[in-house]
């Protein structure tokens, strides 16, 4: 996390960086629908990678 803090140019210490990540509104969804859409986007990006790691995936995991 220290490397990420430096990479994004956050000038405070690591504790302050965690506090910023935990409390800044830009890191939160405004509605349940936005939250669900965000998780679905993550799943779409992760699905192709899962087949590289696991030989067989149950159909319900990739639907």
PDB file of N, CA and C in Angstrom:
ATOM      1  N   UNK A   1       0.820  -1.193   0.000  1.00  0.00           N
ATOM      2  CA  UNK A   1       0.000   0.000   0.000  1.00  0.00           C
ATOM      3  C   UNK A   1       0.864   1.256   0.000  1.00  0.00           C
ATOM      4  N   UNK A   2       2.021   1.151   0.578  1.00  0.00           N
ATOM      5  CA  UNK A   2       2.934   2.297   0.578  1.00  0.00           C
ATOM      6  C   UNK A   2       3.315   2.672  -0.856  1.00  0.00           C
ATOM      7  N   UNK A   3       3.566   1.669  -1.687  1.00  0.00           N
ATOM      8  CA  UNK A   3       3.917   1.931  -3.088  1.00  0.00           C
ATOM      9  C   UNK A   3       2.747   2.575  -3.829  1.00  0.00           C
ATOM     10  N   UNK A   4       1.543   2.122  -3.555  1.00  0.00           N
ATOM     11  CA  UNK A   4       0.360   2.704  -4.197  1.00  0.00           C
ATOM     12  C   UNK A   4       0.175   4.144  -3.734  1.00  0.00           C
ATOM     13  N   UNK A   5       0.352   4.394  -2.457  1.00  0.00           N
ATOM     14  CA  UNK A   5       0.229   5.750  -1.919  1.00  0.00           C
ATOM     15  C   UNK A   5       1.172   6.695  -2.658  1.00  0.00           C
ATOM     16  N   UNK A   6       2.407   6.252  -2.848  1.00  0.00           N
ATOM     17  CA  UNK A   6       3.386   7.074  -3.557  1.00  0.00           C
ATOM     18  C   UNK A   6       3.030   7.217  -5.031  1.00  0.00           C
ATOM     19  N   UNK A   7       2.582   6.129  -5.643  1.00  0.00           N
ATOM     20  CA  UNK A   7       2.255   6.143  -7.074  1.00  0.00           C
ATOM     21  C   UNK A   7       1.139   7.131  -7.386  1.00  0.00           C
ATOM     22  N   UNK A   8       0.140   7.219  -6.510  1.00  0.00           N
ATOM     23  CA  UNK A   8      -0.975   8.142  -6.756  1.00  0.00           C
ATOM     24  C   UNK A   8      -0.680   9.553  -6.253  1.00  0.00           C
ATOM     25  N   UNK A   9       0.469   9.736  -5.634  1.00  0.00           N
ATOM     26  CA  UNK A   9       0.885  11.069  -5.217  1.00  0.00           C
ATOM     27  C   UNK A   9       0.267  11.573  -3.926  1.00  0.00           C
ATOM     28  N   UNK A  10      -0.226  10.663  -3.095  1.00  0.00           N
ATOM     29  CA  UNK A  10      -0.781  11.076  -1.806  1.00  0.00           C
ATOM     30  C   UNK A  10       0.371  11.497  -0.910  1.00  0.00           C
ATOM     31  N   UNK A  11       0.277  12.701  -0.345  1.00  0.00           N
ATOM     32  CA  UNK A  11       1.412  13.253   0.392  1.00  0.00           C
ATOM     33  C   UNK A  11       1.413  12.960   1.886  1.00  0.00           C
ATOM     34  N   UNK A  12       0.308  12.491   2.424  1.00  0.00           N
ATOM     35  CA  UNK A  12       0.269  12.180   3.848  1.00  0.00           C
ATOM     36  C   UNK A  12       0.922  10.838   4.146  1.00  0.00           C
ATOM     37  N   UNK A  13       0.916  10.460   5.414  1.00  0.00           N
ATOM     38  CA  UNK A  13       1.468   9.166   5.800  1.00  0.00           C
ATOM     39  C   UNK A  13       0.484   8.044   5.454  1.00  0.00           C
ATOM     40  N   UNK A  14       0.908   6.814   5.662  1.00  0.00           N
ATOM     41  CA  UNK A  14       0.096   5.663   5.286  1.00  0.00           C
ATOM     42  C   UNK A  14      -1.220   5.630   6.067  1.00  0.00           C
ATOM     43  N   UNK A  15      -1.184   5.980   7.342  1.00  0.00           N
ATOM     44  CA  UNK A  15      -2.411   6.024   8.142  1.00  0.00           C
ATOM     45  C   UNK A  15      -3.408   7.012   7.528  1.00  0.00           C
ATOM     46  N   UNK A  16      -2.933   8.178   7.143  1.00  0.00           N
ATOM     47  CA  UNK A  16      -3.796   9.192   6.530  1.00  0.00           C
ATOM     48  C   UNK A  16      -4.341   8.720   5.196  1.00  0.00           C
ATOM     49  N   UNK A  17      -3.536   7.976   4.461  1.00  0.00           N
ATOM     50  CA  UNK A  17      -3.982   7.435   3.179  1.00  0.00           C
ATOM     51  C   UNK A  17      -5.134   6.455   3.392  1.00  0.00           C
ATOM     52  N   UNK A  18      -5.000   5.568   4.360  1.00  0.00           N
ATOM     53  CA  UNK A  18      -6.086   4.629   4.665  1.00  0.00           C
ATOM     54  C   UNK A  18      -7.346   5.380   5.109  1.00  0.00           C
ATOM     55  N   UNK A  19      -7.180   6.404   5.905  1.00  0.00           N
ATOM     56  CA  UNK A  19      -8.320   7.207   6.349  1.00  0.00           C
ATOM     57  C   UNK A  19      -9.002   7.865   5.146  1.00  0.00           C
ATOM     58  N   UNK A  20      -8.216   8.381   4.226  1.00  0.00           N
ATOM     59  CA  UNK A  20      -8.745   8.989   3.006  1.00  0.00           C
ATOM     60  C   UNK A  20      -9.524   7.963   2.193  1.00  0.00           C
ATOM     61  N   UNK A  21      -8.965   6.779   1.999  1.00  0.00           N
ATOM     62  CA  UNK A  21      -9.648   5.732   1.234  1.00  0.00           C
ATOM     63  C   UNK A  21     -10.948   5.305   1.909  1.00  0.00           C
ATOM     64  N   UNK A  22     -10.943   5.291   3.228  1.00  0.00           N
ATOM     65  CA  UNK A  22     -12.109   4.831   3.980  1.00  0.00           C
ATOM     66  C   UNK A  22     -13.228   5.862   4.030  1.00  0.00           C
ATOM     67  N   UNK A  23     -12.902   7.143   3.921  1.00  0.00           N
ATOM     68  CA  UNK A  23     -13.906   8.173   4.165  1.00  0.00           C
ATOM     69  C   UNK A  23     -14.273   9.035   2.965  1.00  0.00           C
ATOM     70  N   UNK A  24     -13.468   9.056   1.919  1.00  0.00           N
ATOM     71  CA  UNK A  24     -13.755   9.942   0.788  1.00  0.00           C
ATOM     72  C   UNK A  24     -14.935   9.414  -0.024  1.00  0.00           C
ATOM     73  N   UNK A  25     -15.931  10.247  -0.278  1.00  0.00           N
ATOM     74  CA  UNK A  25     -17.140   9.808  -0.993  1.00  0.00           C
ATOM     75  C   UNK A  25     -16.881   9.261  -2.399  1.00  0.00           C
ATOM     76  N   UNK A  26     -15.785   9.658  -3.033  1.00  0.00           N
ATOM     77  CA  UNK A  26     -15.530   9.174  -4.390  1.00  0.00           C
ATOM     78  C   UNK A  26     -15.332   7.661  -4.453  1.00  0.00           C
ATOM     79  N   UNK A  27     -15.073   7.033  -3.326  1.00  0.00           N
ATOM     80  CA  UNK A  27     -14.843   5.594  -3.297  1.00  0.00           C
ATOM     81  C   UNK A  27     -16.090   4.797  -2.914  1.00  0.00           C
ATOM     82  N   UNK A  28     -17.230   5.452  -2.865  1.00  0.00           N
ATOM     83  CA  UNK A  28     -18.480   4.801  -2.487  1.00  0.00           C
ATOM     84  C   UNK A  28     -19.527   4.981  -3.575  1.00  0.00           C
ATOM     85  N   UNK A  29     -20.392   4.005  -3.704  1.00  0.00           N
ATOM     86  CA  UNK A  29     -21.515   4.101  -4.631  1.00  0.00           C
ATOM     87  C   UNK A  29     -22.649   4.870  -3.966  1.00  0.00           C
ATOM     88  N   UNK A  30     -23.456   5.538  -4.796  1.00  0.00           N
ATOM     89  CA  UNK A  30     -24.568   6.331  -4.274  1.00  0.00           C
ATOM     90  C   UNK A  30     -25.851   5.528  -4.099  1.00  0.00           C
ATOM     91  N   UNK A  31     -26.008   4.472  -4.882  1.00  0.00           N
ATOM     92  CA  UNK A  31     -27.239   3.682  -4.810  1.00  0.00           C
ATOM     93  C   UNK A  31     -26.897   2.201  -4.823  1.00  0.00           C
ATOM     94  N   UNK A  32     -27.857   1.403  -4.420  1.00  0.00           N
ATOM     95  CA  UNK A  32     -27.686  -0.053  -4.456  1.00  0.00           C
ATOM     96  C   UNK A  32     -27.505  -0.529  -5.894  1.00  0.00           C
ATOM     97  N   UNK A  33     -28.187   0.119  -6.829  1.00  0.00           N
ATOM     98  CA  UNK A  33     -28.076  -0.270  -8.236  1.00  0.00           C
ATOM     99  C   UNK A  33     -26.664  -0.017  -8.766  1.00  0.00           C
ATOM    100  N   UNK A  34     -26.062   1.121  -8.397  1.00  0.00           N
ATOM    101  CA  UNK A  34     -24.688   1.412  -8.809  1.00  0.00           C
ATOM    102  C   UNK A  34     -23.714   0.397  -8.211  1.00  0.00           C
ATOM    103  N   UNK A  35     -23.940   0.037  -6.961  1.00  0.00           N
ATOM    104  CA  UNK A  35     -23.094  -0.952  -6.297  1.00  0.00           C
ATOM    105  C   UNK A  35     -23.162  -2.290  -7.018  1.00  0.00           C
ATOM    106  N   UNK A  36     -24.363  -2.746  -7.321  1.00  0.00           N
ATOM    107  CA  UNK A  36     -24.543  -4.012  -8.019  1.00  0.00           C
ATOM    108  C   UNK A  36     -23.898  -3.963  -9.400  1.00  0.00           C
ATOM    109  N   UNK A  37     -24.062  -2.867 -10.118  1.00  0.00           N
ATOM    110  CA  UNK A  37     -23.446  -2.728 -11.442  1.00  0.00           C
ATOM    111  C   UNK A  37     -21.924  -2.766 -11.331  1.00  0.00           C
ATOM    112  N   UNK A  38     -21.378  -2.161 -10.289  1.00  0.00           N
ATOM    113  CA  UNK A  38     -19.934  -2.191 -10.074  1.00  0.00           C
ATOM    114  C   UNK A  38     -19.422  -3.602  -9.842  1.00  0.00           C
ATOM    115  N   UNK A  39     -20.121  -4.358  -9.029  1.00  0.00           N
ATOM    116  CA  UNK A  39     -19.729  -5.748  -8.781  1.00  0.00           C
ATOM    117  C   UNK A  39     -19.861  -6.592 -10.042  1.00  0.00           C
ATOM    118  N   UNK A  40     -20.887  -6.341 -10.820  1.00  0.00           N
ATOM    119  CA  UNK A  40     -21.049  -7.095 -12.072  1.00  0.00           C
ATOM    120  C   UNK A  40     -19.916  -6.782 -13.044  1.00  0.00           C
ATOM    121  N   UNK A  41     -19.481  -5.538 -13.093  1.00  0.00           N
ATOM    122  CA  UNK A  41     -18.350  -5.176 -13.948  1.00  0.00           C
ATOM    123  C   UNK A  41     -17.079  -5.904 -13.512  1.00  0.00           C
ATOM    124  N   UNK A  42     -16.869  -5.992 -12.207  1.00  0.00           N
ATOM    125  CA  UNK A  42     -15.707  -6.724 -11.692  1.00  0.00           C
ATOM    126  C   UNK A  42     -15.786  -8.189 -12.111  1.00  0.00           C
ATOM    127  N   UNK A  43     -16.959  -8.785 -12.000  1.00  0.00           N
ATOM    128  CA  UNK A  43     -17.139 -10.189 -12.382  1.00  0.00           C
ATOM    129  C   UNK A  43     -16.847 -10.400 -13.862  1.00  0.00           C
ATOM    130  N   UNK A  44     -17.287  -9.478 -14.700  1.00  0.00           N
ATOM    131  CA  UNK A  44     -17.035  -9.605 -16.137  1.00  0.00           C
ATOM    132  C   UNK A  44     -15.541  -9.597 -16.435  1.00  0.00           C
ATOM    133  N   UNK A  45     -14.794  -8.781 -15.695  1.00  0.00           N
ATOM    134  CA  UNK A  45     -13.343  -8.734 -15.906  1.00  0.00           C
ATOM    135  C   UNK A  45     -12.653  -9.960 -15.312  1.00  0.00           C
ATOM    136  N   UNK A  46     -13.191 -10.496 -14.227  1.00  0.00           N
ATOM    137  CA  UNK A  46     -12.559 -11.626 -13.549  1.00  0.00           C
ATOM    138  C   UNK A  46     -12.843 -12.958 -14.231  1.00  0.00           C
ATOM    139  N   UNK A  47     -14.022 -13.112 -14.825  1.00  0.00           N
ATOM    140  CA  UNK A  47     -14.412 -14.400 -15.413  1.00  0.00           C
ATOM    141  C   UNK A  47     -13.378 -14.975 -16.379  1.00  0.00           C
ATOM    142  N   UNK A  48     -12.860 -14.209 -17.333  1.00  0.00           N
ATOM    143  CA  UNK A  48     -11.875 -14.792 -18.254  1.00  0.00           C
ATOM    144  C   UNK A  48     -10.597 -15.261 -17.547  1.00  0.00           C
ATOM    145  N   UNK A  49     -10.254 -14.615 -16.456  1.00  0.00           N
ATOM    146  CA  UNK A  49      -9.052 -15.000 -15.715  1.00  0.00           C
ATOM    147  C   UNK A  49      -9.267 -16.290 -14.930  1.00  0.00           C
ATOM    148  N   UNK A  50     -10.491 -16.535 -14.483  1.00  0.00           N
ATOM    149  CA  UNK A  50     -10.777 -17.746 -13.713  1.00  0.00           C
ATOM    150  C   UNK A  50     -10.520 -19.006 -14.530  1.00  0.00           C
ATOM    151  N   UNK A  51     -10.843 -18.955 -15.816  1.00  0.00           N
ATOM    152  CA  UNK A  51     -10.624 -20.137 -16.649  1.00  0.00           C
ATOM    153  C   UNK A  51      -9.137 -20.430 -16.824  1.00  0.00           C
ATOM    154  N   UNK A  52      -8.297 -19.444 -16.620  1.00  0.00           N
ATOM    155  CA  UNK A  52      -6.849 -19.668 -16.677  1.00  0.00           C
ATOM    156  C   UNK A  52      -6.356 -20.383 -15.418  1.00  0.00           C
ATOM    157  N   UNK A  53      -7.072 -20.197 -14.325  1.00  0.00           N
ATOM    158  CA  UNK A  53      -6.650 -20.763 -13.047  1.00  0.00           C
ATOM    159  C   UNK A  53      -7.315 -22.094 -12.712  1.00  0.00           C
ATOM    160  N   UNK A  54      -8.533 -22.270 -13.205  1.00  0.00           N
ATOM    161  CA  UNK A  54      -9.301 -23.464 -12.870  1.00  0.00           C
ATOM    162  C   UNK A  54      -9.757 -24.150 -14.144  1.00  0.00           C
ATOM    163  N   UNK A  55      -9.569 -25.440 -14.208  1.00  0.00           N
ATOM    164  CA  UNK A  55      -9.910 -26.198 -15.405  1.00  0.00           C
ATOM    165  C   UNK A  55     -11.413 -26.215 -15.659  1.00  0.00           C
ATOM    166  N   UNK A  56     -12.188 -26.519 -14.639  1.00  0.00           N
ATOM    167  CA  UNK A  56     -13.644 -26.618 -14.789  1.00  0.00           C
ATOM    168  C   UNK A  56     -14.329 -25.633 -13.859  1.00  0.00           C
ATOM    169  N   UNK A  57     -15.211 -24.835 -14.430  1.00  0.00           N
ATOM    170  CA  UNK A  57     -16.011 -23.918 -13.626  1.00  0.00           C
ATOM    171  C   UNK A  57     -17.470 -24.318 -13.743  1.00  0.00           C
ATOM    172  N   UNK A  58     -18.153 -24.331 -12.631  1.00  0.00           N
ATOM    173  CA  UNK A  58     -19.578 -24.645 -12.648  1.00  0.00           C
ATOM    174  C   UNK A  58     -20.301 -23.553 -13.428  1.00  0.00           C
ATOM    175  N   UNK A  59     -21.297 -23.905 -14.212  1.00  0.00           N
ATOM    176  CA  UNK A  59     -22.015 -22.955 -15.059  1.00  0.00           C
ATOM    177  C   UNK A  59     -22.599 -21.797 -14.258  1.00  0.00           C
ATOM    178  N   UNK A  60     -23.011 -22.038 -13.029  1.00  0.00           N
ATOM    179  CA  UNK A  60     -23.608 -20.966 -12.231  1.00  0.00           C
ATOM    180  C   UNK A  60     -22.586 -19.893 -11.863  1.00  0.00           C
ATOM    181  N   UNK A  61     -21.312 -20.216 -11.892  1.00  0.00           N
ATOM    182  CA  UNK A  61     -20.281 -19.236 -11.572  1.00  0.00           C
ATOM    183  C   UNK A  61     -19.976 -18.318 -12.741  1.00  0.00           C
ATOM    184  N   UNK A  62     -20.283 -18.728 -13.936  1.00  0.00           N
ATOM    185  CA  UNK A  62     -19.945 -17.933 -15.110  1.00  0.00           C
ATOM    186  C   UNK A  62     -21.165 -17.314 -15.761  1.00  0.00           C
ATOM    187  N   UNK A  63     -22.333 -17.502 -15.185  1.00  0.00           N
ATOM    188  CA  UNK A  63     -23.568 -16.960 -15.777  1.00  0.00           C
ATOM    189  C   UNK A  63     -23.748 -15.503 -15.442  1.00  0.00           C
TER     190      UNK A  63
END
